PDB file of N, CA and C in Angstrom:
ATOM      1  N   MET A   1      25.775 -17.201 -44.702  1.00  0.00           N
ATOM      2  CA  MET A   1      26.061 -16.010 -43.942  1.00  0.00           C
ATOM      3  C   MET A   1      26.030 -16.340 -42.445  1.00  0.00           C
ATOM      4  N   GLU A   2      26.876 -15.698 -41.715  1.00  0.00           N
ATOM      5  CA  GLU A   2      26.999 -15.917 -40.283  1.00  0.00           C
ATOM      6  C   GLU A   2      25.878 -15.194 -39.531  1.00  0.00           C
ATOM      7  N   PHE A   3      25.469 -15.749 -38.418  1.00  0.00           N
ATOM      8  CA  PHE A   3      24.351 -15.267 -37.617  1.00  0.00           C
ATOM      9  C   PHE A   3      24.439 -13.765 -37.321  1.00  0.00           C
ATOM     10  N   MET A   4      25.541 -13.341 -36.735  1.00  0.00           N
ATOM     11  CA  MET A   4      25.679 -11.942 -36.334  1.00  0.00           C
ATOM     12  C   MET A   4      25.663 -11.015 -37.554  1.00  0.00           C
ATOM     13  N   GLU A   5      26.231 -11.460 -38.633  1.00  0.00           N
ATOM     14  CA  GLU A   5      26.241 -10.651 -39.854  1.00  0.00           C
ATOM     15  C   GLU A   5      24.822 -10.489 -40.405  1.00  0.00           C
ATOM     16  N   GLU A   6      24.055 -11.558 -40.365  1.00  0.00           N
ATOM     17  CA  GLU A   6      22.675 -11.480 -40.838  1.00  0.00           C
ATOM     18  C   GLU A   6      21.854 -10.536 -39.950  1.00  0.00           C
ATOM     19  N   LEU A   7      22.069 -10.601 -38.639  1.00  0.00           N
ATOM     20  CA  LEU A   7      21.379  -9.681 -37.742  1.00  0.00           C
ATOM     21  C   LEU A   7      21.749  -8.228 -38.049  1.00  0.00           C
ATOM     22  N   LYS A   8      23.033  -7.988 -38.317  1.00  0.00           N
ATOM     23  CA  LYS A   8      23.475  -6.635 -38.680  1.00  0.00           C
ATOM     24  C   LYS A   8      22.733  -6.143 -39.912  1.00  0.00           C
ATOM     25  N   GLN A   9      22.588  -7.023 -40.892  1.00  0.00           N
ATOM     26  CA  GLN A   9      21.897  -6.628 -42.116  1.00  0.00           C
ATOM     27  C   GLN A   9      20.425  -6.317 -41.853  1.00  0.00           C
ATOM     28  N   LEU A  10      19.876  -6.871 -40.795  1.00  0.00           N
ATOM     29  CA  LEU A  10      18.488  -6.598 -40.418  1.00  0.00           C
ATOM     30  C   LEU A  10      18.378  -5.351 -39.533  1.00  0.00           C
ATOM     31  N   GLY A  11      19.501  -4.705 -39.259  1.00  0.00           N
ATOM     32  CA  GLY A  11      19.499  -3.465 -38.499  1.00  0.00           C
ATOM     33  C   GLY A  11      19.825  -3.597 -37.026  1.00  0.00           C
ATOM     34  N   VAL A  12      20.144  -4.806 -36.580  1.00  0.00           N
ATOM     35  CA  VAL A  12      20.486  -5.029 -35.170  1.00  0.00           C
ATOM     36  C   VAL A  12      21.900  -4.504 -34.922  1.00  0.00           C
ATOM     37  N   ASP A  13      22.086  -3.741 -33.852  1.00  0.00           N
ATOM     38  CA  ASP A  13      23.415  -3.247 -33.487  1.00  0.00           C
ATOM     39  C   ASP A  13      24.097  -4.326 -32.647  1.00  0.00           C
ATOM     40  N   VAL A  14      24.632  -5.294 -33.346  1.00  0.00           N
ATOM     41  CA  VAL A  14      25.224  -6.473 -32.704  1.00  0.00           C
ATOM     42  C   VAL A  14      26.377  -6.079 -31.782  1.00  0.00           C
ATOM     43  N   GLN A  15      27.213  -5.161 -32.222  1.00  0.00           N
ATOM     44  CA  GLN A  15      28.355  -4.761 -31.403  1.00  0.00           C
ATOM     45  C   GLN A  15      27.896  -4.190 -30.064  1.00  0.00           C
ATOM     46  N   GLU A  16      26.920  -3.303 -30.101  1.00  0.00           N
ATOM     47  CA  GLU A  16      26.386  -2.745 -28.862  1.00  0.00           C
ATOM     48  C   GLU A  16      25.725  -3.829 -28.012  1.00  0.00           C
ATOM     49  N   GLY A  17      25.000  -4.734 -28.661  1.00  0.00           N
ATOM     50  CA  GLY A  17      24.340  -5.814 -27.939  1.00  0.00           C
ATOM     51  C   GLY A  17      25.328  -6.693 -27.194  1.00  0.00           C
ATOM     52  N   VAL A  18      26.412  -7.041 -27.857  1.00  0.00           N
ATOM     53  CA  VAL A  18      27.451  -7.865 -27.218  1.00  0.00           C
ATOM     54  C   VAL A  18      28.114  -7.077 -26.087  1.00  0.00           C
ATOM     55  N   GLU A  19      28.350  -5.790 -26.312  1.00  0.00           N
ATOM     56  CA  GLU A  19      28.947  -4.965 -25.253  1.00  0.00           C
ATOM     57  C   GLU A  19      28.043  -4.899 -24.029  1.00  0.00           C
ATOM     58  N   ARG A  20      26.740  -4.936 -24.236  1.00  0.00           N
ATOM     59  CA  ARG A  20      25.797  -4.882 -23.107  1.00  0.00           C
ATOM     60  C   ARG A  20      25.915  -6.109 -22.202  1.00  0.00           C
ATOM     61  N   VAL A  21      26.434  -7.207 -22.743  1.00  0.00           N
ATOM     62  CA  VAL A  21      26.627  -8.419 -21.939  1.00  0.00           C
ATOM     63  C   VAL A  21      28.124  -8.665 -21.724  1.00  0.00           C
ATOM     64  N   VAL A  22      28.844  -7.597 -21.497  1.00  0.00           N
ATOM     65  CA  VAL A  22      30.265  -7.597 -21.162  1.00  0.00           C
ATOM     66  C   VAL A  22      31.114  -8.339 -22.196  1.00  0.00           C
ATOM     67  N   GLY A  23      30.744  -8.213 -23.460  1.00  0.00           N
ATOM     68  CA  GLY A  23      31.540  -8.788 -24.534  1.00  0.00           C
ATOM     69  C   GLY A  23      31.377 -10.286 -24.725  1.00  0.00           C
ATOM     70  N   ASP A  24      30.422 -10.889 -24.065  1.00  0.00           N
ATOM     71  CA  ASP A  24      30.234 -12.343 -24.152  1.00  0.00           C
ATOM     72  C   ASP A  24      29.248 -12.669 -25.287  1.00  0.00           C
ATOM     73  N   LYS A  25      29.819 -13.002 -26.445  1.00  0.00           N
ATOM     74  CA  LYS A  25      29.001 -13.255 -27.634  1.00  0.00           C
ATOM     75  C   LYS A  25      28.049 -14.435 -27.439  1.00  0.00           C
ATOM     76  N   SER A  26      28.501 -15.481 -26.781  1.00  0.00           N
ATOM     77  CA  SER A  26      27.619 -16.642 -26.583  1.00  0.00           C
ATOM     78  C   SER A  26      26.463 -16.297 -25.636  1.00  0.00           C
ATOM     79  N   LEU A  27      26.711 -15.455 -24.648  1.00  0.00           N
ATOM     80  CA  LEU A  27      25.633 -15.006 -23.762  1.00  0.00           C
ATOM     81  C   LEU A  27      24.625 -14.167 -24.552  1.00  0.00           C
ATOM     82  N   TYR A  28      25.133 -13.315 -25.424  1.00  0.00           N
ATOM     83  CA  TYR A  28      24.252 -12.496 -26.261  1.00  0.00           C
ATOM     84  C   TYR A  28      23.384 -13.387 -27.138  1.00  0.00           C
ATOM     85  N   GLU A  29      23.975 -14.396 -27.739  1.00  0.00           N
ATOM     86  CA  GLU A  29      23.210 -15.323 -28.575  1.00  0.00           C
ATOM     87  C   GLU A  29      22.142 -16.046 -27.754  1.00  0.00           C
ATOM     88  N   MET A  30      22.485 -16.416 -26.517  1.00  0.00           N
ATOM     89  CA  MET A  30      21.515 -17.072 -25.648  1.00  0.00           C
ATOM     90  C   MET A  30      20.362 -16.115 -25.327  1.00  0.00           C
ATOM     91  N   MET A  31      20.707 -14.872 -25.072  1.00  0.00           N
ATOM     92  CA  MET A  31      19.671 -13.881 -24.761  1.00  0.00           C
ATOM     93  C   MET A  31      18.790 -13.587 -25.973  1.00  0.00           C
ATOM     94  N   LEU A  32      19.358 -13.667 -27.163  1.00  0.00           N
ATOM     95  CA  LEU A  32      18.541 -13.533 -28.370  1.00  0.00           C
ATOM     96  C   LEU A  32      17.515 -14.662 -28.427  1.00  0.00           C
ATOM     97  N   GLY A  33      17.923 -15.854 -28.014  1.00  0.00           N
ATOM     98  CA  GLY A  33      16.985 -16.978 -27.937  1.00  0.00           C
ATOM     99  C   GLY A  33      15.882 -16.696 -26.925  1.00  0.00           C
ATOM    100  N   MET A  34      16.230 -16.041 -25.834  1.00  0.00           N
ATOM    101  CA  MET A  34      15.235 -15.676 -24.824  1.00  0.00           C
ATOM    102  C   MET A  34      14.280 -14.612 -25.367  1.00  0.00           C
ATOM    103  N   PHE A  35      14.766 -13.792 -26.292  1.00  0.00           N
ATOM    104  CA  PHE A  35      13.903 -12.792 -26.926  1.00  0.00           C
ATOM    105  C   PHE A  35      12.739 -13.479 -27.641  1.00  0.00           C
ATOM    106  N   LEU A  36      12.994 -14.636 -28.225  1.00  0.00           N
ATOM    107  CA  LEU A  36      11.926 -15.391 -28.882  1.00  0.00           C
ATOM    108  C   LEU A  36      10.824 -15.732 -27.881  1.00  0.00           C
ATOM    109  N   ASP A  37      11.225 -16.086 -26.660  1.00  0.00           N
ATOM    110  CA  ASP A  37      10.240 -16.390 -25.616  1.00  0.00           C
ATOM    111  C   ASP A  37       9.429 -15.145 -25.241  1.00  0.00           C
ATOM    112  N   VAL A  38      10.097 -14.005 -25.182  1.00  0.00           N
ATOM    113  CA  VAL A  38       9.408 -12.751 -24.856  1.00  0.00           C
ATOM    114  C   VAL A  38       8.380 -12.430 -25.934  1.00  0.00           C
ATOM    115  N   VAL A  39       8.767 -12.601 -27.197  1.00  0.00           N
ATOM    116  CA  VAL A  39       7.854 -12.326 -28.309  1.00  0.00           C
ATOM    117  C   VAL A  39       6.651 -13.267 -28.255  1.00  0.00           C
ATOM    118  N   SER A  40       6.895 -14.551 -28.015  1.00  0.00           N
ATOM    119  CA  SER A  40       5.775 -15.495 -28.021  1.00  0.00           C
ATOM    120  C   SER A  40       4.876 -15.335 -26.793  1.00  0.00           C
ATOM    121  N   SER A  41       5.425 -14.880 -25.672  1.00  0.00           N
ATOM    122  CA  SER A  41       4.596 -14.720 -24.476  1.00  0.00           C
ATOM    123  C   SER A  41       3.937 -13.336 -24.394  1.00  0.00           C
ATOM    124  N   ASN A  42       4.258 -12.462 -25.332  1.00  0.00           N
ATOM    125  CA  ASN A  42       3.655 -11.126 -25.396  1.00  0.00           C
ATOM    126  C   ASN A  42       3.165 -10.846 -26.809  1.00  0.00           C
ATOM    127  N   PRO A  43       2.261 -11.686 -27.291  1.00  0.00           N
ATOM    128  CA  PRO A  43       1.834 -11.536 -28.685  1.00  0.00           C
ATOM    129  C   PRO A  43       1.051 -10.236 -28.900  1.00  0.00           C
ATOM    130  N   VAL A  44       1.360  -9.602 -30.013  1.00  0.00           N
ATOM    131  CA  VAL A  44       0.618  -8.422 -30.431  1.00  0.00           C
ATOM    132  C   VAL A  44       0.160  -8.702 -31.850  1.00  0.00           C
ATOM    133  N   GLN A  45      -1.128  -8.509 -32.073  1.00  0.00           N
ATOM    134  CA  GLN A  45      -1.690  -8.769 -33.392  1.00  0.00           C
ATOM    135  C   GLN A  45      -2.502  -7.566 -33.830  1.00  0.00           C
ATOM    136  N   ILE A  46      -2.701  -7.453 -35.114  1.00  0.00           N
ATOM    137  CA  ILE A  46      -3.414  -6.311 -35.679  1.00  0.00           C
ATOM    138  C   ILE A  46      -4.798  -6.142 -35.054  1.00  0.00           C
ATOM    139  N   GLU A  47      -5.442  -7.255 -34.720  1.00  0.00           N
ATOM    140  CA  GLU A  47      -6.771  -7.209 -34.116  1.00  0.00           C
ATOM    141  C   GLU A  47      -6.768  -6.511 -32.755  1.00  0.00           C
ATOM    142  N   ASP A  48      -5.612  -6.496 -32.103  1.00  0.00           N
ATOM    143  CA  ASP A  48      -5.507  -5.861 -30.787  1.00  0.00           C
ATOM    144  C   ASP A  48      -5.736  -4.353 -30.843  1.00  0.00           C
ATOM    145  N   PHE A  49      -5.669  -3.796 -32.041  1.00  0.00           N
ATOM    146  CA  PHE A  49      -5.800  -2.351 -32.203  1.00  0.00           C
ATOM    147  C   PHE A  49      -7.217  -1.930 -32.576  1.00  0.00           C
ATOM    148  N   GLU A  50      -8.147  -2.855 -32.482  1.00  0.00           N
ATOM    149  CA  GLU A  50      -9.548  -2.532 -32.756  1.00  0.00           C
ATOM    150  C   GLU A  50     -10.186  -2.017 -31.472  1.00  0.00           C
ATOM    151  N   GLY A  51     -10.928  -0.956 -31.566  1.00  0.00           N
ATOM    152  CA  GLY A  51     -11.642  -0.430 -30.395  1.00  0.00           C
ATOM    153  C   GLY A  51     -10.751   0.386 -29.489  1.00  0.00           C
ATOM    154  N   GLU A  52     -11.061   0.330 -28.225  1.00  0.00           N
ATOM    155  CA  GLU A  52     -10.346   1.118 -27.220  1.00  0.00           C
ATOM    156  C   GLU A  52      -8.969   0.531 -26.924  1.00  0.00           C
ATOM    157  N   VAL A  53      -8.084   1.374 -26.456  1.00  0.00           N
ATOM    158  CA  VAL A  53      -6.757   0.934 -26.040  1.00  0.00           C
ATOM    159  C   VAL A  53      -6.894   0.257 -24.680  1.00  0.00           C
ATOM    160  N   HIS A  54      -6.323  -0.917 -24.559  1.00  0.00           N
ATOM    161  CA  HIS A  54      -6.353  -1.653 -23.301  1.00  0.00           C
ATOM    162  C   HIS A  54      -4.960  -1.625 -22.666  1.00  0.00           C
ATOM    163  N   GLU A  55      -4.930  -1.496 -21.365  1.00  0.00           N
ATOM    164  CA  GLU A  55      -3.648  -1.450 -20.648  1.00  0.00           C
ATOM    165  C   GLU A  55      -2.811  -2.695 -20.919  1.00  0.00           C
ATOM    166  N   GLU A  56      -3.472  -3.826 -21.098  1.00  0.00           N
ATOM    167  CA  GLU A  56      -2.749  -5.072 -21.376  1.00  0.00           C
ATOM    168  C   GLU A  56      -1.939  -4.949 -22.661  1.00  0.00           C
ATOM    169  N   LEU A  57      -2.503  -4.349 -23.693  1.00  0.00           N
ATOM    170  CA  LEU A  57      -1.785  -4.149 -24.957  1.00  0.00           C
ATOM    171  C   LEU A  57      -0.594  -3.219 -24.737  1.00  0.00           C
ATOM    172  N   ILE A  58      -0.813  -2.154 -23.996  1.00  0.00           N
ATOM    173  CA  ILE A  58       0.285  -1.222 -23.709  1.00  0.00           C
ATOM    174  C   ILE A  58       1.408  -1.954 -22.979  1.00  0.00           C
ATOM    175  N   GLU A  59       1.065  -2.798 -22.030  1.00  0.00           N
ATOM    176  CA  GLU A  59       2.079  -3.557 -21.282  1.00  0.00           C
ATOM    177  C   GLU A  59       2.854  -4.512 -22.188  1.00  0.00           C
ATOM    178  N   ARG A  60       2.143  -5.197 -23.088  1.00  0.00           N
ATOM    179  CA  ARG A  60       2.833  -6.125 -23.997  1.00  0.00           C
ATOM    180  C   ARG A  60       3.783  -5.373 -24.925  1.00  0.00           C
ATOM    181  N   VAL A  61       3.319  -4.264 -25.478  1.00  0.00           N
ATOM    182  CA  VAL A  61       4.179  -3.473 -26.367  1.00  0.00           C
ATOM    183  C   VAL A  61       5.377  -2.933 -25.588  1.00  0.00           C
ATOM    184  N   HIS A  62       5.154  -2.486 -24.360  1.00  0.00           N
ATOM    185  CA  HIS A  62       6.240  -1.989 -23.521  1.00  0.00           C
ATOM    186  C   HIS A  62       7.276  -3.087 -23.260  1.00  0.00           C
ATOM    187  N   THR A  63       6.806  -4.288 -22.999  1.00  0.00           N
ATOM    188  CA  THR A  63       7.711  -5.421 -22.769  1.00  0.00           C
ATOM    189  C   THR A  63       8.550  -5.711 -24.015  1.00  0.00           C
ATOM    190  N   LEU A  64       7.907  -5.726 -25.175  1.00  0.00           N
ATOM    191  CA  LEU A  64       8.628  -5.976 -26.430  1.00  0.00           C
ATOM    192  C   LEU A  64       9.652  -4.878 -26.702  1.00  0.00           C
ATOM    193  N   LYS A  65       9.254  -3.648 -26.474  1.00  0.00           N
ATOM    194  CA  LYS A  65      10.163  -2.512 -26.668  1.00  0.00           C
ATOM    195  C   LYS A  65      11.385  -2.643 -25.765  1.00  0.00           C
ATOM    196  N   GLY A  66      11.149  -2.961 -24.496  1.00  0.00           N
ATOM    197  CA  GLY A  66      12.246  -3.094 -23.543  1.00  0.00           C
ATOM    198  C   GLY A  66      13.192  -4.228 -23.896  1.00  0.00           C
ATOM    199  N   ALA A  67      12.635  -5.367 -24.263  1.00  0.00           N
ATOM    200  CA  ALA A  67      13.480  -6.511 -24.629  1.00  0.00           C
ATOM    201  C   ALA A  67      14.306  -6.193 -25.864  1.00  0.00           C
ATOM    202  N   ALA A  68      13.686  -5.555 -26.848  1.00  0.00           N
ATOM    203  CA  ALA A  68      14.415  -5.186 -28.064  1.00  0.00           C
ATOM    204  C   ALA A  68      15.517  -4.181 -27.742  1.00  0.00           C
ATOM    205  N   GLY A  69      15.201  -3.216 -26.895  1.00  0.00           N
ATOM    206  CA  GLY A  69      16.208  -2.221 -26.524  1.00  0.00           C
ATOM    207  C   GLY A  69      17.374  -2.826 -25.771  1.00  0.00           C
ATOM    208  N   ASN A  70      17.085  -3.717 -24.832  1.00  0.00           N
ATOM    209  CA  ASN A  70      18.148  -4.356 -24.045  1.00  0.00           C
ATOM    210  C   ASN A  70      19.106  -5.157 -24.915  1.00  0.00           C
ATOM    211  N   LEU A  71      18.603  -5.666 -26.033  1.00  0.00           N
ATOM    212  CA  LEU A  71      19.440  -6.489 -26.921  1.00  0.00           C
ATOM    213  C   LEU A  71      19.925  -5.710 -28.139  1.00  0.00           C
ATOM    214  N   SER A  72      19.659  -4.415 -28.163  1.00  0.00           N
ATOM    215  CA  SER A  72      20.063  -3.545 -29.275  1.00  0.00           C
ATOM    216  C   SER A  72      19.458  -3.973 -30.605  1.00  0.00           C
ATOM    217  N   ILE A  73      18.236  -4.465 -30.539  1.00  0.00           N
ATOM    218  CA  ILE A  73      17.493  -4.797 -31.757  1.00  0.00           C
ATOM    219  C   ILE A  73      16.818  -3.491 -32.173  1.00  0.00           C
ATOM    220  N   VAL A  74      17.619  -2.614 -32.733  1.00  0.00           N
ATOM    221  CA  VAL A  74      17.275  -1.222 -32.973  1.00  0.00           C
ATOM    222  C   VAL A  74      15.988  -1.025 -33.778  1.00  0.00           C
ATOM    223  N   PRO A  75      15.796  -1.729 -34.901  1.00  0.00           N
ATOM    224  CA  PRO A  75      14.570  -1.455 -35.663  1.00  0.00           C
ATOM    225  C   PRO A  75      13.299  -1.755 -34.877  1.00  0.00           C
ATOM    226  N   LEU A  76      13.314  -2.791 -34.077  1.00  0.00           N
ATOM    227  CA  LEU A  76      12.135  -3.120 -33.269  1.00  0.00           C
ATOM    228  C   LEU A  76      11.988  -2.141 -32.106  1.00  0.00           C
ATOM    229  N   PHE A  77      13.097  -1.794 -31.490  1.00  0.00           N
ATOM    230  CA  PHE A  77      13.047  -0.846 -30.379  1.00  0.00           C
ATOM    231  C   PHE A  77      12.439   0.483 -30.839  1.00  0.00           C
ATOM    232  N   ARG A  78      12.912   0.994 -31.952  1.00  0.00           N
ATOM    233  CA  ARG A  78      12.411   2.281 -32.454  1.00  0.00           C
ATOM    234  C   ARG A  78      10.933   2.208 -32.816  1.00  0.00           C
ATOM    235  N   ARG A  79      10.552   1.147 -33.513  1.00  0.00           N
ATOM    236  CA  ARG A  79       9.154   1.026 -33.944  1.00  0.00           C
ATOM    237  C   ARG A  79       8.219   0.791 -32.761  1.00  0.00           C
ATOM    238  N   TYR A  80       8.625  -0.066 -31.832  1.00  0.00           N
ATOM    239  CA  TYR A  80       7.766  -0.305 -30.675  1.00  0.00           C
ATOM    240  C   TYR A  80       7.688   0.928 -29.773  1.00  0.00           C
ATOM    241  N   THR A  81       8.732   1.734 -29.744  1.00  0.00           N
ATOM    242  CA  THR A  81       8.676   2.998 -29.012  1.00  0.00           C
ATOM    243  C   THR A  81       7.604   3.896 -29.626  1.00  0.00           C
ATOM    244  N   GLU A  82       7.580   3.942 -30.943  1.00  0.00           N
ATOM    245  CA  GLU A  82       6.577   4.737 -31.649  1.00  0.00           C
ATOM    246  C   GLU A  82       5.163   4.212 -31.368  1.00  0.00           C
ATOM    247  N   VAL A  83       4.978   2.902 -31.480  1.00  0.00           N
ATOM    248  CA  VAL A  83       3.663   2.299 -31.230  1.00  0.00           C
ATOM    249  C   VAL A  83       3.224   2.597 -29.796  1.00  0.00           C
ATOM    250  N   LEU A  84       4.135   2.430 -28.861  1.00  0.00           N
ATOM    251  CA  LEU A  84       3.819   2.651 -27.445  1.00  0.00           C
ATOM    252  C   LEU A  84       3.405   4.102 -27.187  1.00  0.00           C
ATOM    253  N   THR A  85       4.147   5.029 -27.739  1.00  0.00           N
ATOM    254  CA  THR A  85       3.811   6.446 -27.566  1.00  0.00           C
ATOM    255  C   THR A  85       2.417   6.736 -28.112  1.00  0.00           C
ATOM    256  N   LEU A  86       2.121   6.212 -29.293  1.00  0.00           N
ATOM    257  CA  LEU A  86       0.808   6.430 -29.898  1.00  0.00           C
ATOM    258  C   LEU A  86      -0.309   5.803 -29.056  1.00  0.00           C
ATOM    259  N   LEU A  87      -0.063   4.609 -28.531  1.00  0.00           N
ATOM    260  CA  LEU A  87      -1.070   3.970 -27.679  1.00  0.00           C
ATOM    261  C   LEU A  87      -1.311   4.779 -26.411  1.00  0.00           C
ATOM    262  N   ARG A  88      -0.244   5.241 -25.808  1.00  0.00           N
ATOM    263  CA  ARG A  88      -0.388   6.030 -24.578  1.00  0.00           C
ATOM    264  C   ARG A  88      -1.112   7.344 -24.839  1.00  0.00           C
ATOM    265  N   ASP A  89      -0.952   7.862 -26.062  1.00  0.00           N
ATOM    266  CA  ASP A  89      -1.661   9.090 -26.448  1.00  0.00           C
ATOM    267  C   ASP A  89      -3.070   8.797 -26.962  1.00  0.00           C
ATOM    268  N   ARG A  90      -3.458   7.518 -26.883  1.00  0.00           N
ATOM    269  CA  ARG A  90      -4.783   7.068 -27.325  1.00  0.00           C
ATOM    270  C   ARG A  90      -5.026   7.285 -28.821  1.00  0.00           C
ATOM    271  N   LYS A  91      -3.962   7.245 -29.587  1.00  0.00           N
ATOM    272  CA  LYS A  91      -4.050   7.378 -31.043  1.00  0.00           C
ATOM    273  C   LYS A  91      -4.007   5.973 -31.640  1.00  0.00           C
ATOM    274  N   VAL A  92      -5.091   5.259 -31.476  1.00  0.00           N
ATOM    275  CA  VAL A  92      -5.151   3.841 -31.824  1.00  0.00           C
ATOM    276  C   VAL A  92      -4.940   3.610 -33.315  1.00  0.00           C
ATOM    277  N   SER A  93      -5.555   4.410 -34.147  1.00  0.00           N
ATOM    278  CA  SER A  93      -5.432   4.239 -35.593  1.00  0.00           C
ATOM    279  C   SER A  93      -3.983   4.398 -36.051  1.00  0.00           C
ATOM    280  N   GLU A  94      -3.318   5.421 -35.523  1.00  0.00           N
ATOM    281  CA  GLU A  94      -1.916   5.645 -35.872  1.00  0.00           C
ATOM    282  C   GLU A  94      -1.030   4.524 -35.318  1.00  0.00           C
ATOM    283  N   ALA A  95      -1.341   4.060 -34.115  1.00  0.00           N
ATOM    284  CA  ALA A  95      -0.585   2.953 -33.513  1.00  0.00           C
ATOM    285  C   ALA A  95      -0.738   1.698 -34.356  1.00  0.00           C
ATOM    286  N   LYS A  96      -1.943   1.469 -34.841  1.00  0.00           N
ATOM    287  CA  LYS A  96      -2.198   0.308 -35.698  1.00  0.00           C
ATOM    288  C   LYS A  96      -1.357   0.400 -36.969  1.00  0.00           C
ATOM    289  N   SER A  97      -1.311   1.572 -37.581  1.00  0.00           N
ATOM    290  CA  SER A  97      -0.513   1.763 -38.795  1.00  0.00           C
ATOM    291  C   SER A  97       0.970   1.531 -38.516  1.00  0.00           C
ATOM    292  N   ALA A  98       1.444   2.035 -37.395  1.00  0.00           N
ATOM    293  CA  ALA A  98       2.846   1.838 -37.027  1.00  0.00           C
ATOM    294  C   ALA A  98       3.130   0.358 -36.770  1.00  0.00           C
ATOM    295  N   PHE A  99       2.173  -0.329 -36.156  1.00  0.00           N
ATOM    296  CA  PHE A  99       2.358  -1.758 -35.898  1.00  0.00           C
ATOM    297  C   PHE A  99       2.419  -2.540 -37.205  1.00  0.00           C
ATOM    298  N   VAL A 100       1.607  -2.162 -38.172  1.00  0.00           N
ATOM    299  CA  VAL A 100       1.627  -2.840 -39.477  1.00  0.00           C
ATOM    300  C   VAL A 100       3.039  -2.775 -40.073  1.00  0.00           C
ATOM    301  N   GLU A 101       3.749  -1.682 -39.812  1.00  0.00           N
ATOM    302  CA  GLU A 101       5.119  -1.543 -40.311  1.00  0.00           C
ATOM    303  C   GLU A 101       6.114  -2.384 -39.520  1.00  0.00           C
ATOM    304  N   VAL A 102       5.874  -2.559 -38.231  1.00  0.00           N
ATOM    305  CA  VAL A 102       6.821  -3.302 -37.398  1.00  0.00           C
ATOM    306  C   VAL A 102       6.668  -4.817 -37.549  1.00  0.00           C
ATOM    307  N   GLU A 103       5.492  -5.266 -37.857  1.00  0.00           N
ATOM    308  CA  GLU A 103       5.218  -6.708 -37.916  1.00  0.00           C
ATOM    309  C   GLU A 103       6.182  -7.474 -38.838  1.00  0.00           C
ATOM    310  N   PRO A 104       6.390  -7.048 -40.096  1.00  0.00           N
ATOM    311  CA  PRO A 104       7.310  -7.804 -40.949  1.00  0.00           C
ATOM    312  C   PRO A 104       8.771  -7.706 -40.509  1.00  0.00           C
ATOM    313  N   ILE A 105       9.133  -6.596 -39.879  1.00  0.00           N
ATOM    314  CA  ILE A 105      10.501  -6.448 -39.367  1.00  0.00           C
ATOM    315  C   ILE A 105      10.721  -7.454 -38.244  1.00  0.00           C
ATOM    316  N   GLN A 106       9.751  -7.535 -37.338  1.00  0.00           N
ATOM    317  CA  GLN A 106       9.857  -8.494 -36.242  1.00  0.00           C
ATOM    318  C   GLN A 106       9.923  -9.921 -36.775  1.00  0.00           C
ATOM    319  N   LYS A 107       9.092 -10.229 -37.760  1.00  0.00           N
ATOM    320  CA  LYS A 107       9.087 -11.573 -38.333  1.00  0.00           C
ATOM    321  C   LYS A 107      10.451 -11.928 -38.910  1.00  0.00           C
ATOM    322  N   SER A 108      11.063 -11.007 -39.631  1.00  0.00           N
ATOM    323  CA  SER A 108      12.381 -11.256 -40.226  1.00  0.00           C
ATOM    324  C   SER A 108      13.435 -11.526 -39.155  1.00  0.00           C
ATOM    325  N   ILE A 109      13.416 -10.715 -38.105  1.00  0.00           N
ATOM    326  CA  ILE A 109      14.415 -10.872 -37.039  1.00  0.00           C
ATOM    327  C   ILE A 109      14.166 -12.154 -36.250  1.00  0.00           C
ATOM    328  N   VAL A 110      12.908 -12.426 -35.923  1.00  0.00           N
ATOM    329  CA  VAL A 110      12.569 -13.654 -35.194  1.00  0.00           C
ATOM    330  C   VAL A 110      12.925 -14.880 -36.035  1.00  0.00           C
ATOM    331  N   ASP A 111      12.606 -14.855 -37.313  1.00  0.00           N
ATOM    332  CA  ASP A 111      12.943 -15.986 -38.192  1.00  0.00           C
ATOM    333  C   ASP A 111      14.451 -16.214 -38.250  1.00  0.00           C
ATOM    334  N   CYS A 112      15.213 -15.138 -38.319  1.00  0.00           N
ATOM    335  CA  CYS A 112      16.678 -15.247 -38.339  1.00  0.00           C
ATOM    336  C   CYS A 112      17.178 -15.895 -37.053  1.00  0.00           C
ATOM    337  N   ILE A 113      16.712 -15.408 -35.916  1.00  0.00           N
ATOM    338  CA  ILE A 113      17.155 -15.969 -34.630  1.00  0.00           C
ATOM    339  C   ILE A 113      16.765 -17.436 -34.545  1.00  0.00           C
ATOM    340  N   ARG A 114      15.550 -17.780 -34.928  1.00  0.00           N
ATOM    341  CA  ARG A 114      15.097 -19.173 -34.883  1.00  0.00           C
ATOM    342  C   ARG A 114      15.981 -20.082 -35.731  1.00  0.00           C
ATOM    343  N   ARG A 115      16.292 -19.613 -36.919  1.00  0.00           N
ATOM    344  CA  ARG A 115      17.118 -20.415 -37.839  1.00  0.00           C
ATOM    345  C   ARG A 115      18.448 -20.772 -37.203  1.00  0.00           C
ATOM    346  N   TYR A 116      19.072 -19.822 -36.560  1.00  0.00           N
ATOM    347  CA  TYR A 116      20.393 -20.080 -35.971  1.00  0.00           C
ATOM    348  C   TYR A 116      20.298 -20.772 -34.617  1.00  0.00           C
ATOM    349  N   GLN A 117      19.221 -20.571 -33.894  1.00  0.00           N
ATOM    350  CA  GLN A 117      19.042 -21.241 -32.607  1.00  0.00           C
ATOM    351  C   GLN A 117      18.806 -22.732 -32.821  1.00  0.00           C
ATOM    352  N   ASN A 118      18.178 -23.058 -33.929  1.00  0.00           N
ATOM    353  CA  ASN A 118      17.850 -24.454 -34.231  1.00  0.00           C
ATOM    354  C   ASN A 118      18.910 -25.151 -35.075  1.00  0.00           C
ATOM    355  N   ALA A 119      19.974 -24.434 -35.385  1.00  0.00           N
ATOM    356  CA  ALA A 119      21.021 -25.012 -36.258  1.00  0.00           C
ATOM    357  C   ALA A 119      21.907 -25.976 -35.505  1.00  0.00           C
TER     358      ALA A 119
END
């Protein structure tokens, strides 16, 4: 299966993503590779949701949400928006539950991008 088709199956709005970079598919693919850097430099883990909400966690989730939105990675954008809203409302338990749902989605998308970036 082709890279863009696999991303579509994972819920990424590839057409919108490419349009955001003036129709340059190779630039979009490069930016998807940069998304991997954003994910690795802004790690969010289930343990981060223990105790009080920390501004650092809110910032990392906000960064992930923004990067996903800019690249039209719709499932991550929607889920991280939900997590961020819950964190800002200090609903840590609900944010943790929402994060548990986003984690495997992010893993699938990151794994897909890695596979094609390393091909």
